Amino acid sequence: MFRKKHLLKIIFFLLVLTLTFSACAKPADVPTVLNKPEAEVSTDVNKPEAEVPVAEVPAESQPPTDLPKPSGKLVIWVQQANQDVWTSTVLPAFQAEYPDIEIEFVNYSPPEVANQVGLAIQGGIGVPDLAVTEYRSLSALVDLGGLMDLTSFLEQYKSDLNTTMMGYCSKDSKIYCAPWDIGPVVTFYRRDIFEAAGLASDPESVSAAIATYGDYLDTCKTIKEKTGLNCFGLNKANNYGTMLENMLWQQGLGFYDAEGKVTIDAPYVVEAVEKIGEFWKADVVSDSLEWTDPWYAELNAGMDNKETPPIATITIGAWMGNFLKTWAAADQAGNWGVAQMPAFKAGGTRASNQGGSAYFIPEGSKNPEAAKAFIEYVNLNPANQVTQFVYSDYFPANKATYSDPFFQEADAYFGGQVTRILFATSANNVPFGYIYGPYAVTMSNNAAIALQNYALGIKSAQDALKEAADAVRIETGMP
């Protein structure tokens, strides 16, 4: 595993790389409301792919009546968007249940939560009582140390929490965070474009048509030939490497291995990069960059839009469904559907992950009992998790929620399709991938640069990835 002398470098690299994100850098997987780097204080408190197992819902855990409930100030570091979910759903009920807990929110973006907590741990002062950040940033904190051991606290809930996400919360058989949400990857597709290309547009048929990336490419070629439209956006110069991460994660692989060795230049990464290159060579993708105005325009464009033609698909985390229906493609209700993502090879896993977040309590928390009460009520209670999911589309990592009737409801935006069971199946089948780790940002950024150099014809896939791997080895000290 990672050499001890490099542990103190972890937060330094996270801080520097996060604050120097450039056009070549990868954004956080969970779209966030990015706030100023300085804190803003708010006191407003207003495995095979099979059927989804129905987990038994645990009884609500309430403090014994003969013990006093937690009280006092509870300082929570969290992004504004997460705070908004709580205040709009379950927080009023929590405060009614725990009237003597005074909550103070401090808003940071998810990477900054991890950076600031890491600095506070190293400084020995100033940690929050409770915090939430993304898994991509959390692994560094778990590896660094300074987080409270939650193993006994979470023991009764462990079987209900997503196994893969629990892996990112664990070290040496101890658990240091409580998963909130997960980003199961699916393929959103335009029914009207598939029909215009003479292809079946029901979810089962589309899932079959893109069963592997080779099938996906063939389907994209048909769409381009019959309609002249591109299949999805795949920018060359500033590519974030999301498709590459998906391809590796779904195989249980990544940018490093279980022994802590850098694998960015491994043959399986070269193979994935060259497989992505086939879509560029076939000229079936646009050059739009994710999370930019041209990309948004392609998602929302009508079939007759000549200035900005629509794209036919997008393979991304399930949380994108809420973005499509509320603002990114609000004009296309009924035209979008949801299918499984492609497998890397025939018969392979059709599940990956993009994003997600978890709760953790620093060891220096002044009110850990109030923090645990908050996690238990807001995050581990299945009914409360469903309430937040209904509001936000943050897909729960708590499998006990999947038996709720809400998961069986049809979604009018997606043509009456029952989408949430598909999301749950994907979530249950996400393997552990070596993407998120102590040096996740460093690795992702360098891998993305390698993909860009390959896409632009500057280097071969093998040479570009070797250069990236060597850079990571130098920066991290990993072999």
Protein backbone atom coordinates (compact mmCIF):
# COMPACT_ATOMS: atom_id res chain seq x y z
CA MET A 1 0.00 0.00 0.00
CA PHE A 2 1.01 3.65 -0.12
CA ARG A 3 4.26 4.45 1.64
CA LYS A 4 3.84 6.19 4.97
CA LYS A 5 6.13 9.09 4.18
CA HIS A 6 3.79 10.23 1.43
CA LEU A 7 0.63 10.50 3.54
CA LEU A 8 1.26 14.12 4.44
CA LYS A 9 1.52 15.00 0.72
CA ILE A 10 -2.05 13.93 0.07
CA ILE A 11 -3.87 17.06 1.18
CA PHE A 12 -1.20 19.28 -0.40
CA PHE A 13 -1.80 17.72 -3.80
CA LEU A 14 -5.57 17.82 -3.41
CA LEU A 15 -5.45 21.48 -2.45
CA VAL A 16 -3.08 22.57 -5.21
CA LEU A 17 -4.71 20.54 -7.96
CA THR A 18 -8.25 21.45 -6.99
CA LEU A 19 -7.51 25.15 -6.83
CA THR A 20 -5.62 25.11 -10.14
CA PHE A 21 -8.26 23.32 -12.21
CA SER A 22 -7.79 24.40 -15.83
CA ALA A 23 -9.38 23.53 -19.15
CA CYS A 24 -7.43 20.28 -18.98
CA ALA A 25 -8.71 19.46 -15.52
CA LYS A 26 -11.67 17.25 -14.71
CA PRO A 27 -14.61 18.75 -12.80
CA ALA A 28 -16.12 17.03 -9.81
CA ASP A 29 -18.29 14.10 -10.90
CA VAL A 30 -21.23 15.29 -8.89
CA PRO A 31 -22.34 18.64 -10.37
CA THR A 32 -22.25 21.15 -7.54
CA VAL A 33 -22.99 24.72 -6.68
CA LEU A 34 -19.43 26.00 -6.49
CA ASN A 35 -19.00 28.68 -3.85
CA LYS A 36 -16.16 31.01 -3.03
CA PRO A 37 -13.07 29.25 -1.62
CA GLU A 38 -13.57 31.11 1.63
CA ALA A 39 -16.26 29.79 3.91
CA GLU A 40 -19.77 31.19 3.88
CA VAL A 41 -21.54 30.68 7.19
CA SER A 42 -25.27 30.13 7.21
CA THR A 43 -27.51 29.62 10.21
CA ASP A 44 -30.59 28.88 8.10
CA VAL A 45 -31.94 25.54 9.19
CA ASN A 46 -35.49 26.23 7.69
CA LYS A 47 -23.48 -8.78 -8.65
CA PRO A 48 -24.88 -10.25 -11.81
CA GLU A 49 -27.43 -7.98 -13.33
CA ALA A 50 -30.53 -9.40 -11.78
CA GLU A 51 -33.66 -8.05 -10.24
CA VAL A 52 -33.13 -5.53 -7.48
CA PRO A 53 -33.19 -7.24 -4.10
CA VAL A 54 -35.77 -5.86 -1.71
CA ALA A 55 -33.90 -5.05 1.43
CA GLU A 56 -35.63 -5.28 4.76
CA VAL A 57 -36.14 -1.80 6.16
CA PRO A 58 -34.54 -1.50 9.58
CA ALA A 59 -36.54 -0.04 12.41
CA GLU A 60 -35.95 3.63 13.00
CA SER A 61 -33.18 4.00 15.52
CA GLN A 62 -34.15 6.43 18.24
CA PRO A 63 -32.19 7.12 21.41
CA PRO A 64 -33.37 5.09 24.40
CA THR A 65 -36.02 6.99 26.33
CA ASP A 66 -33.96 6.86 29.51
CA LEU A 67 -31.02 8.69 27.91
CA PRO A 68 -30.92 12.41 27.14
CA LYS A 69 -30.99 13.34 23.47
CA PRO A 70 -27.95 15.06 21.99
CA SER A 71 -27.87 18.84 22.32
CA GLY A 72 -25.61 21.79 21.65
CA LYS A 73 -24.13 23.28 18.50
CA LEU A 74 -23.58 21.08 15.46
CA VAL A 75 -21.25 22.63 12.86
CA ILE A 76 -21.68 21.05 9.43
CA TRP A 77 -19.39 21.70 6.43
CA VAL A 78 -21.27 20.96 3.23
CA GLN A 79 -21.98 22.41 -0.20
CA GLN A 80 -24.98 24.72 -0.50
CA ALA A 81 -26.82 22.33 -2.83
CA ASN A 82 -26.78 19.56 -0.20
CA GLN A 83 -27.91 21.96 2.50
CA ASP A 84 -30.80 23.01 0.26
CA VAL A 85 -31.93 19.39 -0.06
CA TRP A 86 -32.05 18.99 3.70
CA THR A 87 -33.77 22.28 4.44
CA SER A 88 -36.39 21.58 1.78
CA THR A 89 -37.16 18.05 2.96
CA VAL A 90 -36.22 16.42 6.28
CA LEU A 91 -34.40 19.04 8.34
CA PRO A 92 -37.52 20.62 9.91
CA ALA A 93 -38.59 17.19 11.18
CA PHE A 94 -35.08 16.51 12.48
CA GLN A 95 -35.13 19.73 14.46
CA ALA A 96 -38.53 18.91 15.85
CA GLU A 97 -37.10 15.58 17.02
CA TYR A 98 -33.92 17.19 18.37
CA PRO A 99 -34.94 20.71 19.45
CA ASP A 100 -31.82 21.22 21.55
CA ILE A 101 -29.39 20.80 18.65
CA GLU A 102 -28.39 24.13 17.10
CA ILE A 103 -27.13 23.68 13.53
CA GLU A 104 -24.61 25.95 11.86
CA PHE A 105 -23.80 25.34 8.19
CA VAL A 106 -20.52 26.34 6.58
CA ASN A 107 -20.66 26.12 2.79
CA TYR A 108 -17.74 24.86 0.72
CA SER A 109 -17.66 23.02 -2.59
CA PRO A 110 -17.09 19.25 -2.10
CA PRO A 111 -13.36 19.34 -2.96
CA GLU A 112 -12.89 22.28 -0.62
CA VAL A 113 -14.64 20.44 2.21
CA ALA A 114 -11.99 17.73 1.92
CA ASN A 115 -9.14 20.24 1.54
CA GLN A 116 -10.18 22.33 4.53
CA VAL A 117 -10.83 19.33 6.76
CA GLY A 118 -7.44 17.89 5.81
CA LEU A 119 -5.69 21.13 6.67
CA ALA A 120 -7.60 21.36 9.95
CA ILE A 121 -6.65 17.79 10.86
CA GLN A 122 -2.99 18.50 10.16
CA GLY A 123 -3.20 21.73 12.15
CA GLY A 124 -4.91 19.97 15.04
CA ILE A 125 -7.68 22.56 15.34
CA GLY A 126 -10.77 23.89 13.62
CA VAL A 127 -12.46 20.75 12.33
CA PRO A 128 -16.26 20.68 11.90
CA ASP A 129 -18.51 18.35 13.88
CA LEU A 130 -19.82 16.75 10.69
CA ALA A 131 -19.04 17.09 6.99
CA VAL A 132 -20.11 15.80 3.58
CA THR A 133 -17.89 15.49 0.53
CA GLU A 134 -17.61 13.47 -2.69
CA TYR A 135 -15.97 10.04 -2.77
CA ARG A 136 -13.31 11.33 -5.18
CA SER A 137 -11.99 13.62 -2.45
CA LEU A 138 -12.89 11.48 0.55
CA SER A 139 -10.42 8.66 -0.07
CA ALA A 140 -7.52 11.01 0.65
CA LEU A 141 -8.96 11.88 4.06
CA VAL A 142 -9.56 8.24 4.94
CA ASP A 143 -5.96 7.47 4.02
CA LEU A 144 -4.60 10.48 5.88
CA GLY A 145 -6.27 9.60 9.17
CA GLY A 146 -8.03 11.90 11.60
CA LEU A 147 -11.59 10.70 10.90
CA MET A 148 -13.71 9.08 13.58
CA ASP A 149 -14.08 5.31 13.45
CA LEU A 150 -17.78 4.71 12.72
CA THR A 151 -17.60 0.93 12.49
CA SER A 152 -19.73 0.13 15.55
CA PHE A 153 -22.13 2.99 14.83
CA LEU A 154 -22.81 1.76 11.29
CA GLU A 155 -22.76 -1.96 12.03
CA GLN A 156 -26.56 -2.35 12.08
CA TYR A 157 -26.88 -0.49 8.74
CA LYS A 158 -23.89 -1.98 6.95
CA SER A 159 -25.86 -4.57 4.96
CA ASP A 160 -28.14 -1.84 3.58
CA LEU A 161 -25.37 0.46 2.37
CA ASN A 162 -23.86 0.09 -1.09
CA THR A 163 -20.91 -2.29 -0.79
CA THR A 164 -18.73 -0.50 -3.34
CA MET A 165 -19.21 2.91 -1.77
CA MET A 166 -18.51 1.41 1.65
CA GLY A 167 -15.19 0.32 0.20
CA TYR A 168 -14.19 3.96 -0.28
CA CYS A 169 -15.21 4.65 3.31
CA SER A 170 -13.09 1.87 4.75
CA LYS A 171 -9.48 1.19 5.64
CA ASP A 172 -8.01 -1.75 7.57
CA SER A 173 -11.50 -3.18 8.17
CA LYS A 174 -12.71 0.02 9.83
CA ILE A 175 -15.42 2.33 8.48
CA TYR A 176 -14.87 6.09 8.46
CA CYS A 177 -17.85 7.49 6.54
CA ALA A 178 -21.52 6.83 5.82
CA PRO A 179 -22.49 6.76 2.11
CA TRP A 180 -25.28 9.13 1.11
CA ASP A 181 -25.67 8.82 -2.64
CA ILE A 182 -24.16 6.98 -5.59
CA GLY A 183 -23.94 7.90 -9.29
CA PRO A 184 -24.95 4.71 -11.16
CA VAL A 185 -24.17 5.15 -14.86
CA VAL A 186 -26.83 4.64 -17.53
CA THR A 187 -27.31 5.74 -21.14
CA PHE A 188 -29.92 8.44 -21.73
CA TYR A 189 -31.10 8.42 -25.35
CA ARG A 190 -33.40 10.34 -27.67
CA ARG A 191 -36.36 8.20 -28.71
CA ASP A 192 -37.20 10.50 -31.62
CA ILE A 193 -33.68 10.28 -33.07
CA PHE A 194 -33.58 6.50 -32.82
CA GLU A 195 -36.95 6.31 -34.58
CA ALA A 196 -35.79 8.71 -37.30
CA ALA A 197 -32.84 6.36 -37.89
CA GLY A 198 -35.20 3.42 -38.27
CA LEU A 199 -34.18 1.91 -34.92
CA ALA A 200 -36.42 0.62 -32.15
CA SER A 201 -36.75 3.18 -29.37
CA ASP A 202 -38.02 1.17 -26.40
CA PRO A 203 -35.51 0.82 -23.52
CA GLU A 204 -35.00 -2.92 -23.92
CA SER A 205 -34.24 -2.64 -27.63
CA VAL A 206 -31.89 0.30 -27.14
CA SER A 207 -30.08 -1.56 -24.35
CA ALA A 208 -29.60 -4.47 -26.77
CA ALA A 209 -28.46 -2.16 -29.57
CA ILE A 210 -25.66 -0.74 -27.40
CA ALA A 211 -24.80 -3.95 -25.53
CA THR A 212 -21.06 -3.38 -26.01
CA TYR A 213 -19.01 -0.38 -27.13
CA GLY A 214 -18.66 -2.10 -30.50
CA ASP A 215 -22.45 -2.30 -30.73
CA TYR A 216 -22.68 1.30 -29.54
CA LEU A 217 -20.35 2.37 -32.35
CA ASP A 218 -22.40 0.48 -34.95
CA THR A 219 -25.60 2.09 -33.66
CA CYS A 220 -23.95 5.52 -33.79
CA LYS A 221 -22.92 4.87 -37.39
CA THR A 222 -26.50 4.02 -38.31
CA ILE A 223 -27.80 7.17 -36.65
CA LYS A 224 -25.23 9.31 -38.45
CA GLU A 225 -25.95 7.66 -41.81
CA LYS A 226 -29.74 7.88 -41.53
CA THR A 227 -30.15 11.25 -39.82
CA GLY A 228 -26.82 13.07 -40.13
CA LEU A 229 -26.83 13.55 -36.35
CA ASN A 230 -24.01 12.85 -33.92
CA CYS A 231 -24.31 10.19 -31.25
CA PHE A 232 -22.85 12.11 -28.29
CA GLY A 233 -20.42 14.88 -27.41
CA LEU A 234 -16.75 13.82 -27.22
CA ASN A 235 -14.45 16.82 -27.12
CA LYS A 236 -10.81 16.31 -28.07
CA ALA A 237 -8.79 19.25 -26.77
CA ASN A 238 -10.25 19.47 -23.26
CA ASN A 239 -11.72 16.01 -22.75
CA TYR A 240 -12.36 15.24 -19.08
CA GLY A 241 -11.74 11.51 -19.47
CA THR A 242 -15.16 10.51 -18.14
CA MET A 243 -15.71 7.84 -20.79
CA LEU A 244 -12.29 6.39 -20.02
CA GLU A 245 -13.08 6.22 -16.31
CA ASN A 246 -16.38 4.46 -17.04
CA MET A 247 -14.66 1.87 -19.22
CA LEU A 248 -12.11 1.07 -16.53
CA TRP A 249 -14.44 1.18 -13.54
CA GLN A 250 -16.99 -1.21 -15.04
CA GLN A 251 -14.19 -3.77 -15.38
CA GLY A 252 -13.10 -3.33 -11.76
CA LEU A 253 -9.93 -1.61 -12.96
CA GLY A 254 -8.55 1.90 -12.75
CA PHE A 255 -5.48 4.13 -12.61
CA TYR A 256 -3.81 2.18 -9.79
CA ASP A 257 -4.12 -1.35 -8.38
CA ALA A 258 -4.66 -3.06 -5.05
CA GLU A 259 -0.91 -2.99 -4.36
CA GLY A 260 -0.77 0.78 -4.82
CA LYS A 261 1.03 0.70 -8.16
CA VAL A 262 0.24 3.24 -10.88
CA THR A 263 -1.46 1.53 -13.84
CA ILE A 264 -2.30 4.47 -16.09
CA ASP A 265 0.04 3.01 -18.74
CA ALA A 266 -1.23 -0.57 -18.36
CA PRO A 267 -2.30 -2.40 -21.54
CA TYR A 268 -5.96 -2.35 -20.51
CA VAL A 269 -5.91 1.46 -20.29
CA VAL A 270 -4.27 1.67 -23.73
CA GLU A 271 -7.01 -0.60 -25.06
CA ALA A 272 -9.74 1.61 -23.58
CA VAL A 273 -8.23 4.81 -25.01
CA GLU A 274 -7.97 3.26 -28.47
CA LYS A 275 -11.57 2.05 -28.21
CA ILE A 276 -12.65 5.64 -27.52
CA GLY A 277 -10.62 6.69 -30.53
CA GLU A 278 -12.80 4.55 -32.79
CA PHE A 279 -15.70 6.94 -32.22
CA TRP A 280 -13.57 9.89 -33.36
CA LYS A 281 -12.32 7.99 -36.39
CA ALA A 282 -15.88 7.09 -37.40
CA ASP A 283 -16.91 10.77 -37.16
CA VAL A 284 -20.05 9.97 -35.17
CA VAL A 285 -19.51 12.38 -32.25
CA SER A 286 -19.63 16.14 -31.86
CA ASP A 287 -16.77 18.16 -30.39
CA SER A 288 -18.90 19.74 -27.67
CA LEU A 289 -17.48 19.75 -24.16
CA GLU A 290 -19.58 18.56 -21.24
CA TRP A 291 -20.98 21.25 -18.95
CA THR A 292 -20.67 24.02 -21.51
CA ASP A 293 -23.38 25.94 -23.39
CA PRO A 294 -22.88 24.11 -26.72
CA TRP A 295 -23.35 20.78 -24.96
CA TYR A 296 -26.50 21.97 -23.21
CA ALA A 297 -27.83 23.20 -26.54
CA GLU A 298 -27.31 19.77 -28.11
CA LEU A 299 -29.23 18.11 -25.29
CA ASN A 300 -32.24 20.36 -25.68
CA ALA A 301 -32.29 20.84 -29.47
CA GLY A 302 -35.23 19.71 -31.56
CA MET A 303 -34.84 17.40 -34.54
CA ASP A 304 -35.25 20.30 -36.98
CA ASN A 305 -32.61 22.52 -35.36
CA LYS A 306 -30.04 23.15 -38.11
CA GLU A 307 -27.92 25.63 -36.16
CA THR A 308 -27.38 23.28 -33.20
CA PRO A 309 -28.31 19.71 -34.13
CA PRO A 310 -29.21 17.45 -31.21
CA ILE A 311 -27.14 14.50 -30.02
CA ALA A 312 -28.72 11.07 -29.69
CA THR A 313 -27.29 9.76 -26.42
CA ILE A 314 -25.37 10.56 -23.26
CA THR A 315 -23.81 7.95 -20.96
CA ILE A 316 -23.60 9.48 -17.51
CA GLY A 317 -24.67 9.19 -13.85
CA ALA A 318 -28.37 8.74 -13.12
CA TRP A 319 -28.48 12.16 -11.46
CA MET A 320 -28.42 13.64 -14.97
CA GLY A 321 -32.08 12.70 -15.28
CA ASN A 322 -33.07 15.53 -12.97
CA PHE A 323 -30.92 17.99 -14.92
CA LEU A 324 -32.49 16.95 -18.21
CA LYS A 325 -36.06 17.32 -17.01
CA THR A 326 -35.64 20.52 -15.00
CA TRP A 327 -33.36 22.67 -17.17
CA ALA A 328 -30.81 21.03 -19.48
CA ALA A 329 -33.42 19.55 -21.83
CA ALA A 330 -36.71 20.76 -20.40
CA ASP A 331 -38.20 21.19 -23.89
CA GLN A 332 -37.72 17.53 -24.77
CA ALA A 333 -40.13 15.86 -22.36
CA GLY A 334 -41.19 12.48 -23.73
CA ASN A 335 -38.30 12.31 -26.20
CA TRP A 336 -35.67 11.01 -23.81
CA GLY A 337 -35.46 7.42 -22.57
CA VAL A 338 -33.04 5.45 -20.39
CA ALA A 339 -31.08 2.30 -21.30
CA GLN A 340 -28.23 0.34 -19.78
CA MET A 341 -24.71 1.56 -20.45
CA PRO A 342 -22.58 -0.57 -22.83
CA ALA A 343 -20.34 -3.33 -21.51
CA PHE A 344 -16.65 -3.11 -22.31
CA LYS A 345 -16.82 -6.61 -23.78
CA ALA A 346 -19.70 -8.98 -24.50
CA GLY A 347 -21.09 -10.36 -21.27
CA GLY A 348 -19.26 -7.80 -19.16
CA THR A 349 -20.64 -5.58 -16.43
CA ARG A 350 -22.94 -2.80 -17.59
CA ALA A 351 -22.52 -0.62 -14.54
CA SER A 352 -20.11 2.10 -13.49
CA ASN A 353 -20.21 5.10 -11.18
CA GLN A 354 -19.93 8.86 -11.54
CA GLY A 355 -19.93 10.84 -8.35
CA GLY A 356 -21.71 10.43 -5.07
CA SER A 357 -21.00 11.64 -1.56
CA ALA A 358 -20.77 10.54 2.06
CA TYR A 359 -20.93 11.86 5.63
CA PHE A 360 -17.95 11.74 7.99
CA ILE A 361 -17.07 12.97 11.47
CA PRO A 362 -13.55 14.27 12.19
CA GLU A 363 -11.94 12.93 15.37
CA GLY A 364 -11.81 16.46 16.76
CA SER A 365 -15.59 16.91 16.53
CA LYS A 366 -16.91 18.72 19.59
CA ASN A 367 -20.35 17.17 19.27
CA PRO A 368 -20.04 13.67 17.75
CA GLU A 369 -23.27 12.44 19.33
CA ALA A 370 -25.28 15.17 17.61
CA ALA A 371 -23.44 14.38 14.37
CA LYS A 372 -24.37 10.71 14.65
CA ALA A 373 -27.99 11.61 15.38
CA PHE A 374 -28.02 13.73 12.22
CA ILE A 375 -26.55 10.95 10.06
CA GLU A 376 -28.93 8.39 11.53
CA TYR A 377 -32.06 10.47 11.06
CA VAL A 378 -31.29 12.14 7.74
CA ASN A 379 -29.20 9.52 5.96
CA LEU A 380 -29.82 6.07 7.43
CA ASN A 381 -33.59 6.29 7.79
CA PRO A 382 -34.95 4.82 4.50
CA ALA A 383 -38.11 6.93 4.47
CA ASN A 384 -36.12 10.12 4.94
CA GLN A 385 -33.69 9.07 2.21
CA VAL A 386 -36.58 8.53 -0.21
CA THR A 387 -37.96 11.96 0.64
CA GLN A 388 -34.64 13.53 -0.32
CA PHE A 389 -34.42 11.41 -3.47
CA VAL A 390 -37.88 12.54 -4.58
CA TYR A 391 -36.78 16.14 -4.19
CA SER A 392 -33.25 16.00 -5.60
CA ASP A 393 -32.68 12.85 -7.67
CA TYR A 394 -29.55 12.15 -5.59
CA PHE A 395 -29.68 8.38 -5.98
CA PRO A 396 -29.54 6.69 -2.54
CA ALA A 397 -26.65 4.47 -1.55
CA ASN A 398 -29.06 3.02 1.02
CA LYS A 399 -30.46 -0.12 -0.64
CA ALA A 400 -33.28 -0.33 1.90
CA THR A 401 -34.95 2.50 -0.03
CA TYR A 402 -35.31 0.48 -3.24
CA SER A 403 -38.45 -1.31 -2.05
CA ASP A 404 -40.29 2.00 -1.73
CA PRO A 405 -43.24 2.40 -4.17
CA PHE A 406 -41.59 5.53 -5.57
CA PHE A 407 -39.11 3.32 -7.42
CA GLN A 408 -41.98 1.72 -9.33
CA GLU A 409 -43.55 4.97 -10.48
CA ALA A 410 -43.52 5.88 -14.17
CA ASP A 411 -41.64 9.04 -15.14
CA ALA A 412 -43.64 11.16 -17.57
CA TYR A 413 -40.55 13.03 -18.76
CA PHE A 414 -39.03 9.76 -19.93
CA GLY A 415 -42.11 8.71 -21.86
CA GLY A 416 -43.73 6.94 -18.92
CA GLN A 417 -40.72 4.68 -18.39
CA VAL A 418 -40.09 3.21 -14.93
CA THR A 419 -36.50 4.44 -14.67
CA ARG A 420 -35.57 4.14 -11.01
CA ILE A 421 -35.45 0.35 -10.92
CA LEU A 422 -32.95 0.52 -13.80
CA PHE A 423 -30.89 2.98 -11.77
CA ALA A 424 -31.06 0.69 -8.74
CA THR A 425 -29.95 -2.34 -10.77
CA SER A 426 -26.97 -0.38 -12.03
CA ALA A 427 -26.13 0.83 -8.51
CA ASN A 428 -26.23 -2.73 -7.17
CA ASN A 429 -23.84 -3.95 -9.86
CA VAL A 430 -21.14 -1.26 -9.74
CA PRO A 431 -17.85 -3.07 -9.05
CA PHE A 432 -15.07 -1.60 -6.94
CA GLY A 433 -12.95 0.41 -9.35
CA TYR A 434 -9.53 1.90 -8.71
CA ILE A 435 -10.50 5.40 -9.83
CA TYR A 436 -11.17 7.15 -6.53
CA GLY A 437 -8.16 7.00 -4.25
CA PRO A 438 -5.78 9.19 -2.23
CA TYR A 439 -4.44 10.76 -5.44
CA ALA A 440 -7.65 10.63 -7.47
CA VAL A 441 -7.45 14.20 -8.79
CA THR A 442 -3.81 13.85 -9.82
CA MET A 443 -4.49 10.59 -11.62
CA SER A 444 -7.66 11.71 -13.37
CA ASN A 445 -6.10 14.96 -14.57
CA ASN A 446 -3.03 13.24 -16.01
CA ALA A 447 -5.10 10.49 -17.64
CA ALA A 448 -7.34 13.14 -19.21
CA ILE A 449 -4.31 14.98 -20.62
CA ALA A 450 -3.08 11.70 -22.11
CA LEU A 451 -6.45 11.16 -23.77
CA GLN A 452 -6.36 14.71 -25.16
CA ASN A 453 -2.87 14.20 -26.60
CA TYR A 454 -4.02 11.00 -28.25
CA ALA A 455 -7.23 12.57 -29.59
CA LEU A 456 -5.32 15.46 -31.14
CA GLY A 457 -2.80 13.12 -32.77
CA ILE A 458 0.10 14.44 -30.71
CA LYS A 459 1.04 11.05 -29.28
CA SER A 460 0.08 7.41 -29.58
CA ALA A 461 -2.13 6.04 -26.82
CA GLN A 462 0.78 4.07 -25.41
CA ASP A 463 3.21 7.01 -25.37
CA ALA A 464 0.64 9.47 -24.00
CA LEU A 465 -0.32 7.16 -21.16
CA LYS A 466 3.30 6.34 -20.34
CA GLU A 467 4.03 10.05 -20.02
CA ALA A 468 0.97 10.50 -17.77
CA ALA A 469 1.86 7.52 -15.59
CA ASP A 470 5.42 8.73 -15.11
CA ALA A 471 4.15 12.17 -14.11
CA VAL A 472 1.88 10.62 -11.48
CA ARG A 473 4.72 8.46 -10.15
CA ILE A 474 6.90 11.53 -9.73
CA GLU A 475 4.14 13.59 -8.08
CA THR A 476 2.93 10.90 -5.69
CA GLY A 477 5.93 8.69 -5.05
CA MET A 478 3.86 5.65 -5.97
CA PRO A 479 5.60 2.87 -7.92
